[in-house]
Amino acid sequence: MARLFSQSQLPHFDSTRDTRDRLDLVTDNVPVGAKWLKADRIIYHPGDTCAKHYHIGCHHLFYVLQGEGLIFTDQGSQRLKPGMAAIVQPEELHWFENDTDENFIFVEFWAPPPEDTIWIVKDDI
């Protein structure tokens, strides 16, 4: 039988850096027993950014649900729009910015979950 969760039952994280909003979908905090996949839904409100970081030992996939925003890597920036997917390789530096007046919403997946996340500026999460 499928396990069903309402939004109110899923762990919710508010960023201390800006107004980003994360809803855990498949994490250690959601009791589904998943060991090889992690996922959450992220909302970047207008002006929100994410600090430069990378993940050890995992591929990171982003699927855009609504709005637009920028993904940055060492190679530059690319605009993400609804229906687009972006994949970041293990240990690839990346970060995001919502440079629009609308919410930028995506689901992100890690496979397998990262061994560690390295923030370029310590405590800038």
PDB file of N, CA and C in Angstrom:
ATOM      1  N   MET A   1       0.844  -1.177   0.000  1.00  0.00           N
ATOM      2  CA  MET A   1       0.000   0.000   0.000  1.00  0.00           C
ATOM      3  C   MET A   1       0.890   1.241   0.000  1.00  0.00           C
ATOM      4  N   ALA A   2       0.561   2.219  -0.787  1.00  0.00           N
ATOM      5  CA  ALA A   2       1.310   3.468  -0.852  1.00  0.00           C
ATOM      6  C   ALA A   2       1.182   4.223   0.472  1.00  0.00           C
ATOM      7  N   ARG A   3       2.276   4.861   0.883  1.00  0.00           N
ATOM      8  CA  ARG A   3       2.243   5.711   2.079  1.00  0.00           C
ATOM      9  C   ARG A   3       1.876   7.117   1.632  1.00  0.00           C
ATOM     10  N   LEU A   4       0.869   7.683   2.237  1.00  0.00           N
ATOM     11  CA  LEU A   4       0.415   9.024   1.881  1.00  0.00           C
ATOM     12  C   LEU A   4       0.726   9.987   3.017  1.00  0.00           C
ATOM     13  N   PHE A   5       1.163  11.190   2.661  1.00  0.00           N
ATOM     14  CA  PHE A   5       1.467  12.222   3.642  1.00  0.00           C
ATOM     15  C   PHE A   5       0.820  13.519   3.187  1.00  0.00           C
ATOM     16  N   SER A   6       0.204  14.219   4.097  1.00  0.00           N
ATOM     17  CA  SER A   6      -0.274  15.566   3.785  1.00  0.00           C
ATOM     18  C   SER A   6       0.891  16.527   3.993  1.00  0.00           C
ATOM     19  N   GLN A   7       0.785  17.718   3.440  1.00  0.00           N
ATOM     20  CA  GLN A   7       1.854  18.699   3.581  1.00  0.00           C
ATOM     21  C   GLN A   7       2.132  18.994   5.056  1.00  0.00           C
ATOM     22  N   SER A   8       1.102  19.006   5.870  1.00  0.00           N
ATOM     23  CA  SER A   8       1.284  19.315   7.301  1.00  0.00           C
ATOM     24  C   SER A   8       2.045  18.211   8.042  1.00  0.00           C
ATOM     25  N   GLN A   9       2.110  17.002   7.483  1.00  0.00           N
ATOM     26  CA  GLN A   9       2.822  15.898   8.110  1.00  0.00           C
ATOM     27  C   GLN A   9       4.300  15.852   7.724  1.00  0.00           C
ATOM     28  N   LEU A  10       4.696  16.621   6.715  1.00  0.00           N
ATOM     29  CA  LEU A  10       6.078  16.592   6.231  1.00  0.00           C
ATOM     30  C   LEU A  10       6.904  17.672   6.921  1.00  0.00           C
ATOM     31  N   PRO A  11       8.155  17.353   7.249  1.00  0.00           N
ATOM     32  CA  PRO A  11       9.018  18.346   7.900  1.00  0.00           C
ATOM     33  C   PRO A  11       9.228  19.569   7.007  1.00  0.00           C
ATOM     34  N   HIS A  12       9.255  20.710   7.640  1.00  0.00           N
ATOM     35  CA  HIS A  12       9.335  21.984   6.942  1.00  0.00           C
ATOM     36  C   HIS A  12      10.520  22.765   7.504  1.00  0.00           C
ATOM     37  N   PHE A  13      11.338  23.360   6.634  1.00  0.00           N
ATOM     38  CA  PHE A  13      12.512  24.105   7.049  1.00  0.00           C
ATOM     39  C   PHE A  13      12.449  25.512   6.481  1.00  0.00           C
ATOM     40  N   ASP A  14      12.584  26.508   7.333  1.00  0.00           N
ATOM     41  CA  ASP A  14      12.688  27.897   6.897  1.00  0.00           C
ATOM     42  C   ASP A  14      14.141  28.314   7.008  1.00  0.00           C
ATOM     43  N   SER A  15      14.682  28.855   5.939  1.00  0.00           N
ATOM     44  CA  SER A  15      16.070  29.279   5.908  1.00  0.00           C
ATOM     45  C   SER A  15      16.305  30.420   6.895  1.00  0.00           C
ATOM     46  N   THR A  16      17.481  30.421   7.522  1.00  0.00           N
ATOM     47  CA  THR A  16      17.875  31.544   8.361  1.00  0.00           C
ATOM     48  C   THR A  16      18.638  32.583   7.540  1.00  0.00           C
ATOM     49  N   ARG A  17      18.944  32.271   6.282  1.00  0.00           N
ATOM     50  CA  ARG A  17      19.705  33.163   5.403  1.00  0.00           C
ATOM     51  C   ARG A  17      18.792  34.135   4.670  1.00  0.00           C
ATOM     52  N   ASP A  18      17.602  33.657   4.271  1.00  0.00           N
ATOM     53  CA  ASP A  18      16.637  34.462   3.522  1.00  0.00           C
ATOM     54  C   ASP A  18      15.263  33.843   3.725  1.00  0.00           C
ATOM     55  N   THR A  19      14.340  33.980   2.775  1.00  0.00           N
ATOM     56  CA  THR A  19      12.979  33.462   2.986  1.00  0.00           C
ATOM     57  C   THR A  19      12.713  32.136   2.290  1.00  0.00           C
ATOM     58  N   ARG A  20      13.768  31.444   1.836  1.00  0.00           N
ATOM     59  CA  ARG A  20      13.562  30.139   1.202  1.00  0.00           C
ATOM     60  C   ARG A  20      12.761  29.210   2.106  1.00  0.00           C
ATOM     61  N   ASP A  21      12.015  28.312   1.485  1.00  0.00           N
ATOM     62  CA  ASP A  21      11.114  27.402   2.181  1.00  0.00           C
ATOM     63  C   ASP A  21      11.350  25.995   1.628  1.00  0.00           C
ATOM     64  N   ARG A  22      11.727  25.055   2.496  1.00  0.00           N
ATOM     65  CA  ARG A  22      11.972  23.675   2.071  1.00  0.00           C
ATOM     66  C   ARG A  22      10.971  22.750   2.746  1.00  0.00           C
ATOM     67  N   LEU A  23      10.384  21.871   1.961  1.00  0.00           N
ATOM     68  CA  LEU A  23       9.493  20.839   2.462  1.00  0.00           C
ATOM     69  C   LEU A  23      10.149  19.493   2.179  1.00  0.00           C
ATOM     70  N   ASP A  24      10.496  18.739   3.223  1.00  0.00           N
ATOM     71  CA  ASP A  24      11.121  17.430   3.044  1.00  0.00           C
ATOM     72  C   ASP A  24      10.122  16.455   2.440  1.00  0.00           C
ATOM     73  N   LEU A  25      10.545  15.746   1.397  1.00  0.00           N
ATOM     74  CA  LEU A  25       9.697  14.731   0.758  1.00  0.00           C
ATOM     75  C   LEU A  25      10.220  13.329   1.043  1.00  0.00           C
ATOM     76  N   VAL A  26      11.501  13.113   0.785  1.00  0.00           N
ATOM     77  CA  VAL A  26      12.146  11.838   1.075  1.00  0.00           C
ATOM     78  C   VAL A  26      13.470  12.163   1.755  1.00  0.00           C
ATOM     79  N   THR A  27      13.484  12.095   3.084  1.00  0.00           N
ATOM     80  CA  THR A  27      14.696  12.366   3.863  1.00  0.00           C
ATOM     81  C   THR A  27      14.682  11.446   5.078  1.00  0.00           C
ATOM     82  N   ASP A  28      15.715  11.557   5.887  1.00  0.00           N
ATOM     83  CA  ASP A  28      15.742  10.791   7.135  1.00  0.00           C
ATOM     84  C   ASP A  28      14.594  11.209   8.054  1.00  0.00           C
ATOM     85  N   ASN A  29      14.060  12.427   7.848  1.00  0.00           N
ATOM     86  CA  ASN A  29      12.962  12.934   8.683  1.00  0.00           C
ATOM     87  C   ASN A  29      11.579  12.465   8.239  1.00  0.00           C
ATOM     88  N   VAL A  30      11.517  11.777   7.098  1.00  0.00           N
ATOM     89  CA  VAL A  30      10.242  11.253   6.583  1.00  0.00           C
ATOM     90  C   VAL A  30      10.358   9.729   6.626  1.00  0.00           C
ATOM     91  N   PRO A  31       9.577   9.063   7.459  1.00  0.00           N
ATOM     92  CA  PRO A  31       9.770   7.632   7.741  1.00  0.00           C
ATOM     93  C   PRO A  31       9.320   6.691   6.617  1.00  0.00           C
ATOM     94  N   VAL A  32      10.057   6.707   5.499  1.00  0.00           N
ATOM     95  CA  VAL A  32       9.714   5.801   4.395  1.00  0.00           C
ATOM     96  C   VAL A  32      10.796   4.755   4.152  1.00  0.00           C
ATOM     97  N   GLY A  33      11.921   4.853   4.866  1.00  0.00           N
ATOM     98  CA  GLY A  33      12.980   3.855   4.746  1.00  0.00           C
ATOM     99  C   GLY A  33      13.836   3.988   3.505  1.00  0.00           C
ATOM    100  N   ALA A  34      13.765   5.087   2.793  1.00  0.00           N
ATOM    101  CA  ALA A  34      14.569   5.277   1.580  1.00  0.00           C
ATOM    102  C   ALA A  34      16.035   5.473   1.962  1.00  0.00           C
ATOM    103  N   LYS A  35      16.917   4.717   1.324  1.00  0.00           N
ATOM    104  CA  LYS A  35      18.342   4.816   1.616  1.00  0.00           C
ATOM    105  C   LYS A  35      19.138   5.361   0.437  1.00  0.00           C
ATOM    106  N   TRP A  36      18.607   5.299  -0.760  1.00  0.00           N
ATOM    107  CA  TRP A  36      19.365   5.648  -1.964  1.00  0.00           C
ATOM    108  C   TRP A  36      18.876   6.915  -2.642  1.00  0.00           C
ATOM    109  N   LEU A  37      17.871   7.562  -2.058  1.00  0.00           N
ATOM    110  CA  LEU A  37      17.289   8.751  -2.667  1.00  0.00           C
ATOM    111  C   LEU A  37      16.886   9.728  -1.575  1.00  0.00           C
ATOM    112  N   LYS A  38      17.101  11.000  -1.851  1.00  0.00           N
ATOM    113  CA  LYS A  38      16.631  12.070  -0.985  1.00  0.00           C
ATOM    114  C   LYS A  38      15.938  13.079  -1.885  1.00  0.00           C
ATOM    115  N   ALA A  39      14.855  13.706  -1.399  1.00  0.00           N
ATOM    116  CA  ALA A  39      14.138  14.689  -2.219  1.00  0.00           C
ATOM    117  C   ALA A  39      13.447  15.702  -1.332  1.00  0.00           C
ATOM    118  N   ASP A  40      13.347  16.918  -1.841  1.00  0.00           N
ATOM    119  CA  ASP A  40      12.542  17.926  -1.182  1.00  0.00           C
ATOM    120  C   ASP A  40      12.035  18.941  -2.196  1.00  0.00           C
ATOM    121  N   ARG A  41      11.097  19.758  -1.739  1.00  0.00           N
ATOM    122  CA  ARG A  41      10.541  20.826  -2.569  1.00  0.00           C
ATOM    123  C   ARG A  41      11.036  22.139  -2.006  1.00  0.00           C
ATOM    124  N   ILE A  42      11.538  22.996  -2.881  1.00  0.00           N
ATOM    125  CA  ILE A  42      12.114  24.268  -2.471  1.00  0.00           C
ATOM    126  C   ILE A  42      11.335  25.410  -3.112  1.00  0.00           C
ATOM    127  N   ILE A  43      11.057  26.448  -2.315  1.00  0.00           N
ATOM    128  CA  ILE A  43      10.491  27.683  -2.856  1.00  0.00           C
ATOM    129  C   ILE A  43      11.503  28.795  -2.603  1.00  0.00           C
ATOM    130  N   TYR A  44      11.957  29.411  -3.682  1.00  0.00           N
ATOM    131  CA  TYR A  44      12.773  30.620  -3.593  1.00  0.00           C
ATOM    132  C   TYR A  44      11.826  31.787  -3.855  1.00  0.00           C
ATOM    133  N   HIS A  45      11.637  32.617  -2.864  1.00  0.00           N
ATOM    134  CA  HIS A  45      10.814  33.811  -3.028  1.00  0.00           C
ATOM    135  C   HIS A  45      11.640  34.868  -3.767  1.00  0.00           C
ATOM    136  N   PRO A  46      11.003  35.898  -4.300  1.00  0.00           N
ATOM    137  CA  PRO A  46      11.754  36.927  -5.024  1.00  0.00           C
ATOM    138  C   PRO A  46      12.943  37.441  -4.201  1.00  0.00           C
ATOM    139  N   GLY A  47      14.117  37.433  -4.851  1.00  0.00           N
ATOM    140  CA  GLY A  47      15.341  37.907  -4.208  1.00  0.00           C
ATOM    141  C   GLY A  47      16.118  36.870  -3.426  1.00  0.00           C
ATOM    142  N   ASP A  48      15.552  35.688  -3.177  1.00  0.00           N
ATOM    143  CA  ASP A  48      16.265  34.649  -2.428  1.00  0.00           C
ATOM    144  C   ASP A  48      17.446  34.115  -3.227  1.00  0.00           C
ATOM    145  N   THR A  49      18.495  33.744  -2.501  1.00  0.00           N
ATOM    146  CA  THR A  49      19.672  33.117  -3.097  1.00  0.00           C
ATOM    147  C   THR A  49      20.117  31.971  -2.206  1.00  0.00           C
ATOM    148  N   CYS A  50      20.919  31.118  -2.759  1.00  0.00           N
ATOM    149  CA  CYS A  50      21.509  30.021  -2.000  1.00  0.00           C
ATOM    150  C   CYS A  50      23.017  30.222  -2.010  1.00  0.00           C
ATOM    151  N   ALA A  51      23.676  29.899  -0.921  1.00  0.00           N
ATOM    152  CA  ALA A  51      25.126  30.018  -0.844  1.00  0.00           C
ATOM    153  C   ALA A  51      25.809  28.993  -1.749  1.00  0.00           C
ATOM    154  N   LYS A  52      27.009  29.333  -2.210  1.00  0.00           N
ATOM    155  CA  LYS A  52      27.810  28.410  -3.035  1.00  0.00           C
ATOM    156  C   LYS A  52      28.133  27.166  -2.215  1.00  0.00           C
ATOM    157  N   HIS A  53      27.906  26.002  -2.843  1.00  0.00           N
ATOM    158  CA  HIS A  53      28.171  24.746  -2.153  1.00  0.00           C
ATOM    159  C   HIS A  53      28.312  23.605  -3.156  1.00  0.00           C
ATOM    160  N   TYR A  54      28.718  22.444  -2.652  1.00  0.00           N
ATOM    161  CA  TYR A  54      28.724  21.224  -3.455  1.00  0.00           C
ATOM    162  C   TYR A  54      28.495  20.035  -2.533  1.00  0.00           C
ATOM    163  N   HIS A  55      28.144  18.913  -3.153  1.00  0.00           N
ATOM    164  CA  HIS A  55      27.819  17.699  -2.406  1.00  0.00           C
ATOM    165  C   HIS A  55      28.813  16.603  -2.742  1.00  0.00           C
ATOM    166  N   ILE A  56      29.229  15.867  -1.737  1.00  0.00           N
ATOM    167  CA  ILE A  56      30.171  14.769  -1.906  1.00  0.00           C
ATOM    168  C   ILE A  56      29.402  13.482  -2.225  1.00  0.00           C
ATOM    169  N   GLY A  57      29.742  12.845  -3.338  1.00  0.00           N
ATOM    170  CA  GLY A  57      29.263  11.500  -3.636  1.00  0.00           C
ATOM    171  C   GLY A  57      27.841  11.365  -4.139  1.00  0.00           C
ATOM    172  N   CYS A  58      27.260  12.415  -4.745  1.00  0.00           N
ATOM    173  CA  CYS A  58      25.902  12.239  -5.251  1.00  0.00           C
ATOM    174  C   CYS A  58      25.646  13.114  -6.471  1.00  0.00           C
ATOM    175  N   HIS A  59      24.718  12.666  -7.290  1.00  0.00           N
ATOM    176  CA  HIS A  59      24.184  13.489  -8.370  1.00  0.00           C
ATOM    177  C   HIS A  59      23.000  14.254  -7.804  1.00  0.00           C
ATOM    178  N   HIS A  60      22.829  15.481  -8.263  1.00  0.00           N
ATOM    179  CA  HIS A  60      21.782  16.350  -7.741  1.00  0.00           C
ATOM    180  C   HIS A  60      20.938  16.793  -8.936  1.00  0.00           C
ATOM    181  N   LEU A  61      19.647  16.473  -8.907  1.00  0.00           N
ATOM    182  CA  LEU A  61      18.746  16.799 -10.013  1.00  0.00           C
ATOM    183  C   LEU A  61      17.685  17.769  -9.516  1.00  0.00           C
ATOM    184  N   PHE A  62      17.390  18.771 -10.350  1.00  0.00           N
ATOM    185  CA  PHE A  62      16.386  19.783 -10.032  1.00  0.00           C
ATOM    186  C   PHE A  62      15.335  19.781 -11.132  1.00  0.00           C
ATOM    187  N   TYR A  63      14.062  19.713 -10.763  1.00  0.00           N
ATOM    188  CA  TYR A  63      12.963  19.780 -11.728  1.00  0.00           C
ATOM    189  C   TYR A  63      12.089  20.972 -11.355  1.00  0.00           C
ATOM    190  N   VAL A  64      11.984  21.928 -12.295  1.00  0.00           N
ATOM    191  CA  VAL A  64      11.275  23.182 -12.009  1.00  0.00           C
ATOM    192  C   VAL A  64       9.777  22.996 -12.181  1.00  0.00           C
ATOM    193  N   LEU A  65       9.028  23.373 -11.141  1.00  0.00           N
ATOM    194  CA  LEU A  65       7.566  23.282 -11.145  1.00  0.00           C
ATOM    195  C   LEU A  65       6.904  24.599 -11.536  1.00  0.00           C
ATOM    196  N   GLN A  66       7.460  25.718 -11.054  1.00  0.00           N
ATOM    197  CA  GLN A  66       6.795  27.008 -11.247  1.00  0.00           C
ATOM    198  C   GLN A  66       7.836  28.125 -11.166  1.00  0.00           C
ATOM    199  N   GLY A  67       7.602  29.182 -11.922  1.00  0.00           N
ATOM    200  CA  GLY A  67       8.472  30.352 -11.879  1.00  0.00           C
ATOM    201  C   GLY A  67       9.777  30.113 -12.618  1.00  0.00           C
ATOM    202  N   GLU A  68      10.671  31.073 -12.477  1.00  0.00           N
ATOM    203  CA  GLU A  68      11.974  31.013 -13.130  1.00  0.00           C
ATOM    204  C   GLU A  68      13.044  31.443 -12.151  1.00  0.00           C
ATOM    205  N   GLY A  69      14.254  30.974 -12.390  1.00  0.00           N
ATOM    206  CA  GLY A  69      15.393  31.383 -11.578  1.00  0.00           C
ATOM    207  C   GLY A  69      16.673  30.977 -12.261  1.00  0.00           C
ATOM    208  N   LEU A  70      17.775  31.300 -11.631  1.00  0.00           N
ATOM    209  CA  LEU A  70      19.089  31.020 -12.184  1.00  0.00           C
ATOM    210  C   LEU A  70      19.788  29.940 -11.386  1.00  0.00           C
ATOM    211  N   ILE A  71      20.456  29.035 -12.099  1.00  0.00           N
ATOM    212  CA  ILE A  71      21.393  28.105 -11.481  1.00  0.00           C
ATOM    213  C   ILE A  71      22.779  28.547 -11.921  1.00  0.00           C
ATOM    214  N   PHE A  72      23.690  28.597 -10.969  1.00  0.00           N
ATOM    215  CA  PHE A  72      25.070  28.991 -11.236  1.00  0.00           C
ATOM    216  C   PHE A  72      25.992  27.806 -10.986  1.00  0.00           C
ATOM    217  N   THR A  73      27.005  27.664 -11.831  1.00  0.00           N
ATOM    218  CA  THR A  73      28.097  26.720 -11.634  1.00  0.00           C
ATOM    219  C   THR A  73      29.382  27.472 -11.993  1.00  0.00           C
ATOM    220  N   ASP A  74      30.501  26.806 -11.901  1.00  0.00           N
ATOM    221  CA  ASP A  74      31.766  27.435 -12.296  1.00  0.00           C
ATOM    222  C   ASP A  74      31.765  27.840 -13.766  1.00  0.00           C
ATOM    223  N   GLN A  75      30.908  27.226 -14.576  1.00  0.00           N
ATOM    224  CA  GLN A  75      30.844  27.526 -16.012  1.00  0.00           C
ATOM    225  C   GLN A  75      29.940  28.718 -16.328  1.00  0.00           C
ATOM    226  N   GLY A  76      29.247  29.262 -15.344  1.00  0.00           N
ATOM    227  CA  GLY A  76      28.372  30.403 -15.576  1.00  0.00           C
ATOM    228  C   GLY A  76      26.971  30.144 -15.050  1.00  0.00           C
ATOM    229  N   SER A  77      26.006  30.912 -15.563  1.00  0.00           N
ATOM    230  CA  SER A  77      24.625  30.770 -15.111  1.00  0.00           C
ATOM    231  C   SER A  77      23.728  30.337 -16.262  1.00  0.00           C
ATOM    232  N   GLN A  78      22.624  29.688 -15.899  1.00  0.00           N
ATOM    233  CA  GLN A  78      21.605  29.278 -16.866  1.00  0.00           C
ATOM    234  C   GLN A  78      20.237  29.540 -16.243  1.00  0.00           C
ATOM    235  N   ARG A  79      19.302  29.984 -17.070  1.00  0.00           N
ATOM    236  CA  ARG A  79      17.941  30.244 -16.606  1.00  0.00           C
ATOM    237  C   ARG A  79      17.154  28.939 -16.625  1.00  0.00           C
ATOM    238  N   LEU A  80      16.485  28.654 -15.501  1.00  0.00           N
ATOM    239  CA  LEU A  80      15.615  27.487 -15.384  1.00  0.00           C
ATOM    240  C   LEU A  80      14.172  27.954 -15.436  1.00  0.00           C
ATOM    241  N   LYS A  81      13.344  27.191 -16.184  1.00  0.00           N
ATOM    242  CA  LYS A  81      11.922  27.506 -16.353  1.00  0.00           C
ATOM    243  C   LYS A  81      11.099  26.250 -16.088  1.00  0.00           C
ATOM    244  N   PRO A  82       9.780  26.405 -15.881  1.00  0.00           N
ATOM    245  CA  PRO A  82       8.934  25.239 -15.595  1.00  0.00           C
ATOM    246  C   PRO A  82       9.099  24.142 -16.646  1.00  0.00           C
ATOM    247  N   GLY A  83       9.182  22.907 -16.151  1.00  0.00           N
ATOM    248  CA  GLY A  83       9.336  21.746 -17.020  1.00  0.00           C
ATOM    249  C   GLY A  83      10.778  21.411 -17.332  1.00  0.00           C
ATOM    250  N   MET A  84      11.703  22.267 -16.957  1.00  0.00           N
ATOM    251  CA  MET A  84      13.119  22.001 -17.206  1.00  0.00           C
ATOM    252  C   MET A  84      13.721  21.219 -16.047  1.00  0.00           C
ATOM    253  N   ALA A  85      14.758  20.442 -16.362  1.00  0.00           N
ATOM    254  CA  ALA A  85      15.523  19.723 -15.345  1.00  0.00           C
ATOM    255  C   ALA A  85      16.989  20.086 -15.502  1.00  0.00           C
ATOM    256  N   ALA A  86      17.683  20.180 -14.407  1.00  0.00           N
ATOM    257  CA  ALA A  86      19.127  20.418 -14.402  1.00  0.00           C
ATOM    258  C   ALA A  86      19.761  19.352 -13.526  1.00  0.00           C
ATOM    259  N   ILE A  87      20.919  18.865 -13.944  1.00  0.00           N
ATOM    260  CA  ILE A  87      21.644  17.857 -13.167  1.00  0.00           C
ATOM    261  C   ILE A  87      23.027  18.402 -12.849  1.00  0.00           C
ATOM    262  N   VAL A  88      23.378  18.357 -11.573  1.00  0.00           N
ATOM    263  CA  VAL A  88      24.685  18.761 -11.099  1.00  0.00           C
ATOM    264  C   VAL A  88      25.451  17.492 -10.738  1.00  0.00           C
ATOM    265  N   GLN A  89      26.672  17.415 -11.201  1.00  0.00           N
ATOM    266  CA  GLN A  89      27.512  16.243 -10.963  1.00  0.00           C
ATOM    267  C   GLN A  89      28.061  16.250  -9.530  1.00  0.00           C
ATOM    268  N   PRO A  90      28.500  15.092  -9.020  1.00  0.00           N
ATOM    269  CA  PRO A  90      29.120  15.066  -7.702  1.00  0.00           C
ATOM    270  C   PRO A  90      30.286  16.056  -7.630  1.00  0.00           C
ATOM    271  N   GLU A  91      30.369  16.758  -6.523  1.00  0.00           N
ATOM    272  CA  GLU A  91      31.419  17.742  -6.244  1.00  0.00           C
ATOM    273  C   GLU A  91      31.396  18.961  -7.171  1.00  0.00           C
ATOM    274  N   GLU A  92      30.316  19.176  -7.933  1.00  0.00           N
ATOM    275  CA  GLU A  92      30.220  20.357  -8.792  1.00  0.00           C
ATOM    276  C   GLU A  92      29.650  21.528  -7.986  1.00  0.00           C
ATOM    277  N   LEU A  93      30.402  22.618  -7.942  1.00  0.00           N
ATOM    278  CA  LEU A  93      29.974  23.816  -7.228  1.00  0.00           C
ATOM    279  C   LEU A  93      28.707  24.368  -7.886  1.00  0.00           C
ATOM    280  N   HIS A  94      27.704  24.747  -7.066  1.00  0.00           N
ATOM    281  CA  HIS A  94      26.472  25.304  -7.609  1.00  0.00           C
ATOM    282  C   HIS A  94      25.765  26.164  -6.562  1.00  0.00           C
ATOM    283  N   TRP A  95      24.870  27.030  -7.048  1.00  0.00           N
ATOM    284  CA  TRP A  95      24.012  27.846  -6.202  1.00  0.00           C
ATOM    285  C   TRP A  95      22.900  28.422  -7.062  1.00  0.00           C
ATOM    286  N   PHE A  96      21.884  29.010  -6.419  1.00  0.00           N
ATOM    287  CA  PHE A  96      20.687  29.491  -7.109  1.00  0.00           C
ATOM    288  C   PHE A  96      20.387  30.933  -6.743  1.00  0.00           C
ATOM    289  N   GLU A  97      19.576  31.559  -7.608  1.00  0.00           N
ATOM    290  CA  GLU A  97      19.074  32.895  -7.326  1.00  0.00           C
ATOM    291  C   GLU A  97      17.716  33.055  -7.990  1.00  0.00           C
ATOM    292  N   ASN A  98      16.775  33.623  -7.249  1.00  0.00           N
ATOM    293  CA  ASN A  98      15.506  34.021  -7.848  1.00  0.00           C
ATOM    294  C   ASN A  98      15.607  35.515  -8.129  1.00  0.00           C
ATOM    295  N   ASP A  99      15.806  35.845  -9.407  1.00  0.00           N
ATOM    296  CA  ASP A  99      15.960  37.241  -9.814  1.00  0.00           C
ATOM    297  C   ASP A  99      14.668  37.797 -10.409  1.00  0.00           C
ATOM    298  N   THR A 100      13.530  37.170 -10.083  1.00  0.00           N
ATOM    299  CA  THR A 100      12.244  37.590 -10.637  1.00  0.00           C
ATOM    300  C   THR A 100      11.332  38.104  -9.528  1.00  0.00           C
ATOM    301  N   ASP A 101      10.134  38.516  -9.918  1.00  0.00           N
ATOM    302  CA  ASP A 101       9.136  38.985  -8.952  1.00  0.00           C
ATOM    303  C   ASP A 101       8.144  37.900  -8.557  1.00  0.00           C
ATOM    304  N   GLU A 102       8.358  36.686  -9.017  1.00  0.00           N
ATOM    305  CA  GLU A 102       7.473  35.548  -8.724  1.00  0.00           C
ATOM    306  C   GLU A 102       8.253  34.483  -7.962  1.00  0.00           C
ATOM    307  N   ASN A 103       7.551  33.564  -7.296  1.00  0.00           N
ATOM    308  CA  ASN A 103       8.211  32.442  -6.638  1.00  0.00           C
ATOM    309  C   ASN A 103       8.842  31.512  -7.670  1.00  0.00           C
ATOM    310  N   PHE A 104       9.993  30.967  -7.329  1.00  0.00           N
ATOM    311  CA  PHE A 104      10.724  29.982  -8.129  1.00  0.00           C
ATOM    312  C   PHE A 104      10.663  28.675  -7.339  1.00  0.00           C
ATOM    313  N   ILE A 105       9.942  27.674  -7.866  1.00  0.00           N
ATOM    314  CA  ILE A 105       9.669  26.451  -7.108  1.00  0.00           C
ATOM    315  C   ILE A 105      10.179  25.245  -7.879  1.00  0.00           C
ATOM    316  N   PHE A 106      10.936  24.393  -7.188  1.00  0.00           N
ATOM    317  CA  PHE A 106      11.417  23.162  -7.829  1.00  0.00           C
ATOM    318  C   PHE A 106      11.492  22.027  -6.819  1.00  0.00           C
ATOM    319  N   VAL A 107      11.552  20.818  -7.364  1.00  0.00           N
ATOM    320  CA  VAL A 107      11.804  19.626  -6.556  1.00  0.00           C
ATOM    321  C   VAL A 107      13.245  19.234  -6.825  1.00  0.00           C
ATOM    322  N   GLU A 108      13.965  18.921  -5.762  1.00  0.00           N
ATOM    323  CA  GLU A 108      15.348  18.479  -5.935  1.00  0.00           C
ATOM    324  C   GLU A 108      15.510  17.069  -5.402  1.00  0.00           C
ATOM    325  N   PHE A 109      16.333  16.306  -6.117  1.00  0.00           N
ATOM    326  CA  PHE A 109      16.602  14.911  -5.787  1.00  0.00           C
ATOM    327  C   PHE A 109      18.107  14.710  -5.652  1.00  0.00           C
ATOM    328  N   TRP A 110      18.520  13.912  -4.692  1.00  0.00           N
ATOM    329  CA  TRP A 110      19.911  13.498  -4.545  1.00  0.00           C
ATOM    330  C   TRP A 110      19.949  11.973  -4.678  1.00  0.00           C
ATOM    331  N   ALA A 111      20.867  11.471  -5.494  1.00  0.00           N
ATOM    332  CA  ALA A 111      21.000  10.023  -5.633  1.00  0.00           C
ATOM    333  C   ALA A 111      22.473   9.659  -5.808  1.00  0.00           C
ATOM    334  N   PRO A 112      23.001   8.883  -4.881  1.00  0.00           N
ATOM    335  CA  PRO A 112      22.457   8.629  -3.550  1.00  0.00           C
ATOM    336  C   PRO A 112      22.555   9.899  -2.708  1.00  0.00           C
ATOM    337  N   PRO A 113      21.972   9.905  -1.513  1.00  0.00           N
ATOM    338  CA  PRO A 113      22.105  11.093  -0.664  1.00  0.00           C
ATOM    339  C   PRO A 113      23.587  11.434  -0.463  1.00  0.00           C
ATOM    340  N   PRO A 114      23.904  12.723  -0.340  1.00  0.00           N
ATOM    341  CA  PRO A 114      25.318  13.108  -0.234  1.00  0.00           C
ATOM    342  C   PRO A 114      25.965  12.611   1.051  1.00  0.00           C
ATOM    343  N   GLU A 115      27.261  12.307   0.922  1.00  0.00           N
ATOM    344  CA  GLU A 115      28.041  11.947   2.100  1.00  0.00           C
ATOM    345  C   GLU A 115      28.248  13.191   2.961  1.00  0.00           C
ATOM    346  N   ASP A 116      28.332  14.357   2.300  1.00  0.00           N
ATOM    347  CA  ASP A 116      28.504  15.618   3.003  1.00  0.00           C
ATOM    348  C   ASP A 116      28.181  16.757   2.043  1.00  0.00           C
ATOM    349  N   THR A 117      27.816  17.913   2.579  1.00  0.00           N
ATOM    350  CA  THR A 117      27.641  19.131   1.800  1.00  0.00           C
ATOM    351  C   THR A 117      28.692  20.119   2.274  1.00  0.00           C
ATOM    352  N   ILE A 118      29.428  20.666   1.315  1.00  0.00           N
ATOM    353  CA  ILE A 118      30.500  21.598   1.623  1.00  0.00           C
ATOM    354  C   ILE A 118      30.049  22.999   1.236  1.00  0.00           C
ATOM    355  N   TRP A 119      29.971  23.900   2.214  1.00  0.00           N
ATOM    356  CA  TRP A 119      29.600  25.303   1.984  1.00  0.00           C
ATOM    357  C   TRP A 119      30.883  26.093   1.814  1.00  0.00           C
ATOM    358  N   ILE A 120      30.969  26.866   0.751  1.00  0.00           N
ATOM    359  CA  ILE A 120      32.185  27.612   0.443  1.00  0.00           C
ATOM    360  C   ILE A 120      32.462  28.663   1.511  1.00  0.00           C
ATOM    361  N   VAL A 121      31.439  29.353   1.979  1.00  0.00           N
ATOM    362  CA  VAL A 121      31.570  30.283   3.096  1.00  0.00           C
ATOM    363  C   VAL A 121      30.943  29.613   4.312  1.00  0.00           C
ATOM    364  N   LYS A 122      31.758  29.257   5.276  1.00  0.00           N
ATOM    365  CA  LYS A 122      31.273  28.532   6.452  1.00  0.00           C
ATOM    366  C   LYS A 122      30.090  29.241   7.097  1.00  0.00           C
ATOM    367  N   ASP A 123      29.080  28.480   7.467  1.00  0.00           N
ATOM    368  CA  ASP A 123      27.863  28.960   8.128  1.00  0.00           C
ATOM    369  C   ASP A 123      26.961  29.804   7.235  1.00  0.00           C
ATOM    370  N   ASP A 124      27.225  29.866   5.918  1.00  0.00           N
ATOM    371  CA  ASP A 124      26.372  30.621   5.001  1.00  0.00           C
ATOM    372  C   ASP A 124      25.400  29.647   4.348  1.00  0.00           C
ATOM    373  N   ILE A 125      24.476  29.109   5.143  1.00  0.00           N
ATOM    374  CA  ILE A 125      23.511  28.149   4.616  1.00  0.00           C
ATOM    375  C   ILE A 125      22.141  28.754   4.691  1.00  0.00           C
TER     376      ILE A 125
END
